[in-house]
C-alpha cells in the first residue's frame, strides 16, 4: 500500500518566515526590543523610591551601563557606515584659524 499524500511541513516551519511590520512600522529585530525592555527595567529599579537590596540596585546599574555600551557600538540602521566615522573625525580635529 502506497501513501500518495504529501508530507506536511515540520511543526513551526510556517512560523519560520520573517515577521513583517504592519501599518507602515519599520521591522525591528528581536534584540532591539529586548534591549529596550532591559533598559526600561534597569532604569525603573535604579530610580524606584522603594528600598531595594543594594546588590539589586548595583546589578541594575551594571546592566544599564552594559546596555549603554551595547547601544553605542550598535550601528544606526538609517545612517551609512561612513557617516559615523566622519562625524568622529570632525569632532577630534583641531580648529583651523
Protein backbone atom coordinates (compact mmCIF):
# COMPACT_ATOMS: atom_id res chain seq x y z
CA UNK A 1 0.00 0.00 0.00
CA UNK A 2 1.42 3.39 -1.06
CA UNK A 3 1.00 6.68 0.68
CA UNK A 4 0.35 9.31 -2.02
CA UNK A 5 -0.14 12.23 0.39
CA UNK A 6 2.46 14.95 0.51
CA UNK A 7 4.43 15.26 3.70
CA UNK A 8 3.34 18.19 5.81
CA UNK A 9 5.78 20.90 6.79
CA UNK A 10 7.58 20.38 10.08
CA UNK A 11 5.98 21.87 13.13
CA UNK A 12 6.78 25.57 13.37
CA UNK A 13 8.02 25.83 9.76
CA UNK A 14 5.24 28.22 8.88
CA UNK A 15 6.38 30.48 11.72
CA UNK A 16 9.98 30.48 10.47
CA UNK A 17 9.26 33.20 7.94
CA UNK A 18 10.33 36.72 8.91
CA UNK A 19 7.78 38.81 10.70
CA UNK A 20 6.54 41.71 8.65
CA UNK A 21 5.74 45.05 10.18
CA UNK A 22 2.17 46.20 9.85
CA UNK A 23 0.72 49.65 9.27
CA UNK A 24 3.96 51.15 7.95
CA UNK A 25 6.02 50.39 11.05
CA UNK A 26 9.67 49.54 10.42
CA UNK A 27 10.75 45.98 11.07
CA UNK A 28 12.59 45.79 14.40
CA UNK A 29 14.96 42.92 15.22
CA UNK A 30 14.18 40.94 18.37
CA UNK A 31 17.30 42.11 20.18
CA UNK A 32 16.30 45.76 19.87
CA UNK A 33 13.04 45.19 21.72
CA UNK A 34 14.89 43.04 24.29
CA UNK A 35 17.45 45.80 24.82
CA UNK A 36 14.72 48.43 25.21
CA UNK A 37 12.89 46.28 27.76
CA UNK A 38 16.06 45.68 29.77
CA UNK A 39 16.88 49.40 29.68
CA UNK A 40 13.44 50.29 30.97
CA UNK A 41 13.59 47.67 33.72
CA UNK A 42 17.04 48.75 34.89
CA UNK A 43 16.01 52.42 34.91
CA UNK A 44 12.93 51.60 36.97
CA UNK A 45 14.97 49.63 39.51
CA UNK A 46 17.60 52.35 39.86
CA UNK A 47 15.05 55.18 40.13
CA UNK A 48 12.50 53.36 42.30
CA UNK A 49 11.68 55.02 45.61
CA UNK A 50 11.34 51.60 47.26
CA UNK A 51 14.31 50.44 49.33
CA UNK A 52 15.74 47.52 47.39
CA UNK A 53 18.76 45.46 48.41
CA UNK A 54 21.97 47.18 47.40
CA UNK A 55 23.05 44.20 45.29
CA UNK A 56 19.91 44.53 43.15
CA UNK A 57 20.49 48.25 42.57
CA UNK A 58 24.18 47.66 41.79
CA UNK A 59 23.30 44.89 39.32
CA UNK A 60 20.75 47.18 37.65
CA UNK A 61 23.40 49.90 37.32
CA UNK A 62 25.79 47.45 35.67
CA UNK A 63 23.05 46.24 33.32
CA UNK A 64 22.27 49.84 32.41
CA UNK A 65 25.97 50.52 31.78
CA UNK A 66 26.35 47.41 29.61
CA UNK A 67 23.26 48.29 27.60
CA UNK A 68 24.57 51.81 27.07
CA UNK A 69 27.84 50.40 25.75
CA UNK A 70 25.96 47.97 23.52
CA UNK A 71 23.87 50.81 22.11
CA UNK A 72 26.93 53.00 21.50
CA UNK A 73 28.62 50.27 19.43
CA UNK A 74 25.43 49.36 17.59
CA UNK A 75 25.20 50.78 14.07
CA UNK A 76 22.33 53.09 13.34
CA UNK A 77 20.11 51.46 10.67
CA UNK A 78 19.34 54.74 8.86
CA UNK A 79 22.93 56.08 8.77
CA UNK A 80 25.53 54.83 6.31
CA UNK A 81 28.68 53.31 7.90
CA UNK A 82 30.98 56.15 6.78
CA UNK A 83 28.87 58.86 8.41
CA UNK A 84 29.68 57.85 11.99
CA UNK A 85 33.41 57.71 11.28
CA UNK A 86 33.30 61.10 9.54
CA UNK A 87 31.48 62.73 12.47
CA UNK A 88 34.02 61.32 14.95
CA UNK A 89 36.92 62.56 12.85
CA UNK A 90 35.49 66.07 12.67
CA UNK A 91 34.97 66.22 16.42
CA UNK A 92 38.60 65.28 17.14
CA UNK A 93 40.18 67.55 14.51
CA UNK A 94 41.58 70.82 15.85
CA UNK A 95 40.03 74.04 14.61
CA UNK A 96 41.89 75.74 11.79
CA UNK A 97 42.46 79.52 12.06
